[in-house]
Amino acid sequence: MGLTSLFDYRLKTLVVLVRTKSFTLTAKELFISQPAVSQQIHSLEKDLGFRLFYRSGKSIELTAKARELVAYVQRINSDSSRVLAEIQKDDKKRLSIGASLSLSSFLLPNLLAKTINDEKTPKVDIANTKQLLEKIKLGELDFALIEGNFDKSEFDFFKLSDYPMTLVTNPRTYPVEQWSDILKQPLFIGMEGCGTRDIFEKLLAAHNFALSDFKNVIEVDNPVTVIEMLKQGEGVSFLYRQLICDELKRNELLEITAIPEFNVEHSINLVFAKGSSYKERYQQIATLVKHL
């Protein structure tokens, strides 16, 4: 099978244990015994000179030093697999790219068209902001196009651009001219963890409103589905303008301009693990995206 990691096997065990929060599940995933997991962790603690876990009832709690160590291991492990692949094959390992459903509709296709000539065919993962960030931490993604908020102390990033977002409805809907008109409409919004939803909720909170103030909230993950539902009936939704340019031109959808608070621009970032040795390479890709 060959060498696949540059790390002490005990660190790999630690990373799995942090994710599963269970010695039993860790042993099962790594195909070793539970006592072996405990022995590895105790051995690692002895060599490091500090505690990694405290038990709290049946669960385990990570110490502050352990969290710092695991974050370092996760971001460096991601780089190590790429380094090994490039050294062993004298070739570039294909990129693993993440994007949300919204960005996969108008930004990702152009990025892929630009990078396919320079890289092996990238592996693409479509998920919400929360899921994408977790996959970057676990080393499952090289980088992701992120629309939602993220902890800038935990991730490195390159800002791509500011993209306009707007509140839209069906032109046949009764005139929507003030907040009370909006709240009477069904709201189509992404699921928990969706970047667009997070942005919209923060806009609402800034004016002392919440999703619960709407007459009806329909959670739909796919923006294409939302657009079709709006075209067929009543409702409002908060979307990137790039997603609905054609519908606006054909008067199939209507921007709610009477309430300017919802006509905003939001930055999209190329996000990757902090301290990655591939930062320069990701910057080149980010520069490509900026010119799309």
Protein backbone atom coordinates (compact mmCIF):
# COMPACT_ATOMS: atom_id res chain seq x y z
CA MET A 1 0.00 0.00 0.00
CA GLY A 2 2.94 2.31 0.63
CA LEU A 3 3.54 5.33 2.83
CA THR A 4 0.45 7.57 3.13
CA SER A 5 1.27 9.80 6.12
CA LEU A 6 4.27 11.60 7.60
CA PHE A 7 2.82 11.49 11.12
CA ASP A 8 3.27 9.47 14.29
CA TYR A 9 0.47 6.88 14.26
CA ARG A 10 -0.57 8.05 17.74
CA LEU A 11 -1.46 11.49 16.35
CA LYS A 12 -3.77 9.86 13.81
CA THR A 13 -5.44 8.01 16.68
CA LEU A 14 -5.82 11.29 18.55
CA VAL A 15 -7.50 13.00 15.57
CA VAL A 16 -9.99 10.15 15.20
CA LEU A 17 -10.69 10.15 18.93
CA VAL A 18 -11.43 13.88 18.87
CA ARG A 19 -13.94 13.35 16.05
CA THR A 20 -15.68 10.28 17.52
CA LYS A 21 -15.38 11.29 21.21
CA SER A 22 -15.34 7.56 21.91
CA PHE A 23 -12.51 5.10 22.56
CA THR A 24 -14.76 2.29 21.32
CA LEU A 25 -15.65 3.99 18.02
CA THR A 26 -12.01 5.02 17.50
CA ALA A 27 -10.85 1.45 17.95
CA LYS A 28 -13.51 0.25 15.50
CA GLU A 29 -12.56 2.83 12.85
CA LEU A 30 -8.82 2.11 13.16
CA PHE A 31 -9.28 -1.69 13.38
CA ILE A 32 -7.44 -1.94 16.68
CA SER A 33 -8.55 -2.85 20.22
CA GLN A 34 -9.91 -0.33 22.70
CA PRO A 35 -7.00 -0.96 25.13
CA ALA A 36 -4.63 -0.20 22.23
CA VAL A 37 -6.30 3.18 21.73
CA SER A 38 -5.98 3.97 25.45
CA GLN A 39 -2.33 2.85 25.45
CA GLN A 40 -1.50 5.06 22.47
CA ILE A 41 -3.14 8.13 24.02
CA HIS A 42 -1.45 7.59 27.40
CA SER A 43 1.89 7.08 25.62
CA LEU A 44 1.40 10.29 23.66
CA GLU A 45 0.50 12.22 26.83
CA LYS A 46 3.65 10.92 28.52
CA ASP A 47 5.89 11.99 25.62
CA LEU A 48 4.19 15.38 25.30
CA GLY A 49 4.19 16.08 29.02
CA PHE A 50 0.57 17.25 29.26
CA ARG A 51 -2.97 15.89 29.48
CA LEU A 52 -5.01 15.51 26.32
CA PHE A 53 -8.40 14.56 27.78
CA TYR A 54 -10.50 14.74 30.89
CA ARG A 55 -13.42 12.43 31.47
CA SER A 56 -16.81 14.02 32.14
CA GLY A 57 -19.19 11.21 32.98
CA LYS A 58 -19.29 8.95 29.92
CA SER A 59 -17.91 11.61 27.59
CA ILE A 60 -14.40 12.96 27.15
CA GLU A 61 -13.37 16.62 27.10
CA LEU A 62 -10.37 17.93 25.15
CA THR A 63 -7.87 20.13 27.00
CA ALA A 64 -6.89 23.52 25.53
CA LYS A 65 -3.41 22.22 24.64
CA ALA A 66 -4.92 19.17 22.96
CA ARG A 67 -7.23 21.37 20.84
CA GLU A 68 -4.22 23.37 19.69
CA LEU A 69 -2.31 20.20 18.85
CA VAL A 70 -5.20 18.62 16.95
CA ALA A 71 -5.78 21.78 14.89
CA TYR A 72 -2.11 21.73 13.93
CA VAL A 73 -2.16 18.02 13.06
CA GLN A 74 -5.27 18.39 10.90
CA ARG A 75 -3.93 21.21 8.76
CA ILE A 76 -0.46 19.70 8.38
CA ASN A 77 -1.86 16.24 7.65
CA SER A 78 -3.76 17.71 4.71
CA ASP A 79 -0.51 19.06 3.30
CA SER A 80 1.43 15.85 3.99
CA SER A 81 -0.82 13.72 1.78
CA ARG A 82 -0.37 16.17 -1.08
CA VAL A 83 3.40 16.37 -0.58
CA LEU A 84 3.73 12.58 -0.57
CA ALA A 85 1.62 12.23 -3.70
CA GLU A 86 3.69 14.79 -5.57
CA ILE A 87 7.03 13.30 -4.45
CA GLN A 88 6.04 9.68 -5.08
CA LYS A 89 4.43 10.27 -8.46
CA ASP A 90 6.39 13.37 -9.45
CA ASP A 91 3.02 14.87 -10.26
CA LYS A 92 0.40 17.11 -8.75
CA LYS A 93 -2.28 15.49 -6.61
CA ARG A 94 -5.70 16.53 -7.85
CA LEU A 95 -7.38 19.28 -5.91
CA SER A 96 -10.33 18.69 -3.61
CA ILE A 97 -12.54 21.75 -3.90
CA GLY A 98 -15.65 22.60 -1.92
CA ALA A 99 -18.48 25.03 -2.65
CA SER A 100 -22.00 25.75 -1.49
CA LEU A 101 -24.97 25.03 -3.75
CA SER A 102 -25.41 28.75 -4.49
CA LEU A 103 -21.77 29.23 -5.48
CA SER A 104 -21.70 25.97 -7.42
CA SER A 105 -24.35 27.45 -9.68
CA PHE A 106 -22.61 30.65 -10.77
CA LEU A 107 -18.98 30.72 -9.60
CA LEU A 108 -17.65 27.16 -9.43
CA PRO A 109 -18.22 26.19 -13.12
CA ASN A 110 -16.01 29.03 -14.34
CA LEU A 111 -13.33 28.21 -11.76
CA LEU A 112 -13.27 24.56 -12.86
CA ALA A 113 -13.03 25.56 -16.51
CA LYS A 114 -10.01 27.72 -15.70
CA THR A 115 -8.18 25.20 -13.49
CA ILE A 116 -8.75 21.93 -15.38
CA ASN A 117 -6.00 22.79 -17.87
CA ASP A 118 -3.45 23.37 -15.10
CA GLU A 119 -4.53 20.73 -12.59
CA LYS A 120 -5.70 17.14 -12.70
CA THR A 121 -9.49 17.03 -12.84
CA PRO A 122 -10.50 18.39 -9.41
CA LYS A 123 -12.68 16.52 -6.98
CA VAL A 124 -15.69 18.68 -6.10
CA ASP A 125 -17.74 18.56 -2.91
CA ILE A 126 -21.00 20.53 -2.66
CA ALA A 127 -22.14 21.22 0.91
CA ASN A 128 -23.18 24.04 3.22
CA THR A 129 -20.74 26.42 4.89
CA LYS A 130 -20.62 24.55 8.20
CA GLN A 131 -19.94 21.23 6.51
CA LEU A 132 -17.28 22.68 4.21
CA LEU A 133 -15.35 24.24 7.09
CA GLU A 134 -15.39 20.95 8.99
CA LYS A 135 -14.06 19.11 5.94
CA ILE A 136 -11.22 21.61 5.59
CA LYS A 137 -10.32 21.03 9.25
CA LEU A 138 -10.31 17.26 8.71
CA GLY A 139 -8.09 17.58 5.63
CA GLU A 140 -10.81 16.26 3.31
CA LEU A 141 -10.81 19.48 1.24
CA ASP A 142 -7.87 21.56 0.03
CA PHE A 143 -10.00 24.69 -0.01
CA ALA A 144 -13.60 25.82 -0.39
CA LEU A 145 -15.49 28.77 -1.79
CA ILE A 146 -17.23 30.06 1.33
CA GLU A 147 -20.13 32.50 1.40
CA GLY A 148 -20.94 32.30 5.09
CA ASN A 149 -19.06 33.51 8.14
CA PHE A 150 -16.05 31.64 9.53
CA ASP A 151 -13.48 31.96 12.30
CA LYS A 152 -10.59 33.90 10.76
CA SER A 153 -8.31 32.85 13.62
CA GLU A 154 -8.83 29.21 12.62
CA PHE A 155 -8.62 29.43 8.81
CA ASP A 156 -6.56 31.27 6.21
CA PHE A 157 -8.38 32.86 3.28
CA PHE A 158 -8.21 35.04 0.21
CA LYS A 159 -11.11 37.38 -0.46
CA LEU A 160 -12.44 36.82 -3.96
CA SER A 161 -15.00 39.58 -4.43
CA ASP A 162 -18.17 41.19 -3.12
CA TYR A 163 -21.30 39.80 -4.72
CA PRO A 164 -24.74 41.49 -4.66
CA MET A 165 -27.56 39.78 -2.77
CA THR A 166 -31.21 40.75 -2.88
CA LEU A 167 -34.67 39.88 -1.61
CA VAL A 168 -36.92 38.67 -4.43
CA THR A 169 -40.51 37.65 -5.01
CA ASN A 170 -42.96 36.80 -7.77
CA PRO A 171 -44.18 39.90 -9.73
CA ARG A 172 -47.74 38.69 -9.23
CA THR A 173 -47.35 38.89 -5.44
CA TYR A 174 -49.27 41.69 -3.72
CA PRO A 175 -46.97 44.77 -3.55
CA VAL A 176 -44.25 44.29 -0.96
CA GLU A 177 -43.28 47.74 0.24
CA GLN A 178 -42.54 47.45 3.95
CA TRP A 179 -41.42 44.99 6.63
CA SER A 180 -44.95 43.92 7.53
CA ASP A 181 -45.56 42.94 3.88
CA ILE A 182 -42.45 40.71 3.87
CA LEU A 183 -43.35 38.94 7.10
CA LYS A 184 -46.75 37.96 5.71
CA GLN A 185 -45.10 36.07 2.86
CA PRO A 186 -43.82 32.48 2.97
CA LEU A 187 -40.02 32.57 3.22
CA PHE A 188 -37.86 30.13 1.25
CA ILE A 189 -34.50 29.72 3.00
CA GLY A 190 -31.61 27.25 3.17
CA MET A 191 -31.16 24.66 5.91
CA GLU A 192 -29.24 25.25 9.13
CA GLY A 193 -25.53 25.75 8.33
CA CYS A 194 -26.25 27.44 4.97
CA GLY A 195 -24.15 30.57 4.41
CA THR A 196 -26.94 32.55 2.73
CA ARG A 197 -29.28 31.75 5.62
CA ASP A 198 -26.66 32.91 8.13
CA ILE A 199 -26.26 36.23 6.30
CA PHE A 200 -30.03 36.74 6.11
CA GLU A 201 -30.56 35.94 9.80
CA LYS A 202 -27.93 38.51 10.77
CA LEU A 203 -29.66 41.14 8.61
CA LEU A 204 -32.95 40.34 10.32
CA ALA A 205 -31.38 40.51 13.78
CA ALA A 206 -29.93 43.95 13.02
CA HIS A 207 -33.54 45.17 12.74
CA ASN A 208 -34.87 43.16 15.69
CA PHE A 209 -36.52 40.46 13.59
CA ALA A 210 -36.04 36.69 13.34
CA LEU A 211 -37.12 33.83 11.07
CA SER A 212 -39.88 33.05 13.54
CA ASP A 213 -41.54 36.37 12.66
CA PHE A 214 -42.42 35.10 9.18
CA LYS A 215 -45.83 33.64 8.40
CA ASN A 216 -44.22 30.45 7.13
CA VAL A 217 -40.60 29.33 6.73
CA ILE A 218 -39.87 26.67 4.12
CA GLU A 219 -36.36 25.22 4.29
CA VAL A 220 -34.99 24.28 0.85
CA ASP A 221 -31.32 23.55 0.31
CA ASN A 222 -31.25 23.93 -3.48
CA PRO A 223 -31.49 27.54 -4.77
CA VAL A 224 -32.63 26.29 -8.19
CA THR A 225 -35.66 24.73 -6.51
CA VAL A 226 -36.32 27.98 -4.62
CA ILE A 227 -36.25 29.99 -7.85
CA GLU A 228 -38.73 27.66 -9.52
CA MET A 229 -41.06 27.77 -6.50
CA LEU A 230 -40.99 31.58 -6.50
CA LYS A 231 -41.79 31.69 -10.21
CA GLN A 232 -44.84 29.52 -9.66
CA GLY A 233 -46.40 31.21 -6.65
CA GLU A 234 -46.17 33.48 -3.63
CA GLY A 235 -43.20 33.89 -1.33
CA VAL A 236 -39.89 35.68 -0.85
CA SER A 237 -36.29 34.56 -0.75
CA PHE A 238 -32.85 36.08 -0.23
CA LEU A 239 -30.49 35.13 -3.08
CA TYR A 240 -27.32 36.10 -4.94
CA ARG A 241 -28.29 38.34 -7.84
CA GLN A 242 -26.11 36.29 -10.21
CA LEU A 243 -28.45 33.35 -9.69
CA ILE A 244 -31.53 35.21 -10.93
CA CYS A 245 -30.24 37.63 -13.60
CA ASP A 246 -32.19 35.92 -16.39
CA GLU A 247 -35.39 35.66 -14.34
CA LEU A 248 -35.19 39.37 -13.49
CA LYS A 249 -34.68 40.30 -17.15
CA ARG A 250 -37.69 38.21 -18.17
CA ASN A 251 -39.77 39.71 -15.31
CA GLU A 252 -40.29 36.23 -13.88
CA LEU A 253 -38.96 37.47 -10.54
CA LEU A 254 -38.96 40.91 -8.93
CA GLU A 255 -36.42 42.56 -6.62
CA ILE A 256 -37.91 44.09 -3.48
CA THR A 257 -36.18 47.46 -3.73
CA ALA A 258 -38.54 49.31 -1.39
CA ILE A 259 -36.62 47.85 1.58
CA PRO A 260 -32.96 48.70 0.87
CA GLU A 261 -31.66 46.79 3.91
CA PHE A 262 -31.91 43.59 1.88
CA ASN A 263 -30.02 44.86 -1.15
CA VAL A 264 -26.47 44.23 0.04
CA GLU A 265 -23.11 42.95 -1.12
CA HIS A 266 -21.40 40.07 0.64
CA SER A 267 -17.83 38.86 0.28
CA ILE A 268 -17.01 35.36 -0.92
CA ASN A 269 -13.72 33.88 0.20
CA LEU A 270 -11.42 31.05 -0.81
CA VAL A 271 -10.83 29.39 2.57
CA PHE A 272 -8.18 26.83 3.50
CA ALA A 273 -6.38 25.40 6.54
CA LYS A 274 -4.31 27.91 8.48
CA GLY A 275 -0.59 27.49 7.95
CA SER A 276 -0.92 25.44 4.76
CA SER A 277 2.30 25.19 2.76
CA TYR A 278 0.16 25.46 -0.39
CA LYS A 279 -0.92 29.01 0.38
CA GLU A 280 0.89 30.43 -2.65
CA ARG A 281 -0.80 27.93 -4.94
CA TYR A 282 -4.22 28.78 -3.51
CA GLN A 283 -3.47 32.46 -3.98
CA GLN A 284 -2.88 31.82 -7.69
CA ILE A 285 -6.26 30.11 -7.90
CA ALA A 286 -7.91 32.95 -5.99
CA THR A 287 -6.45 35.43 -8.46
CA LEU A 288 -7.98 33.40 -11.29
CA VAL A 289 -11.39 33.51 -9.64
CA LYS A 290 -11.19 37.27 -9.10
CA HIS A 291 -10.95 37.75 -12.85
CA LEU A 292 -13.90 35.52 -13.73
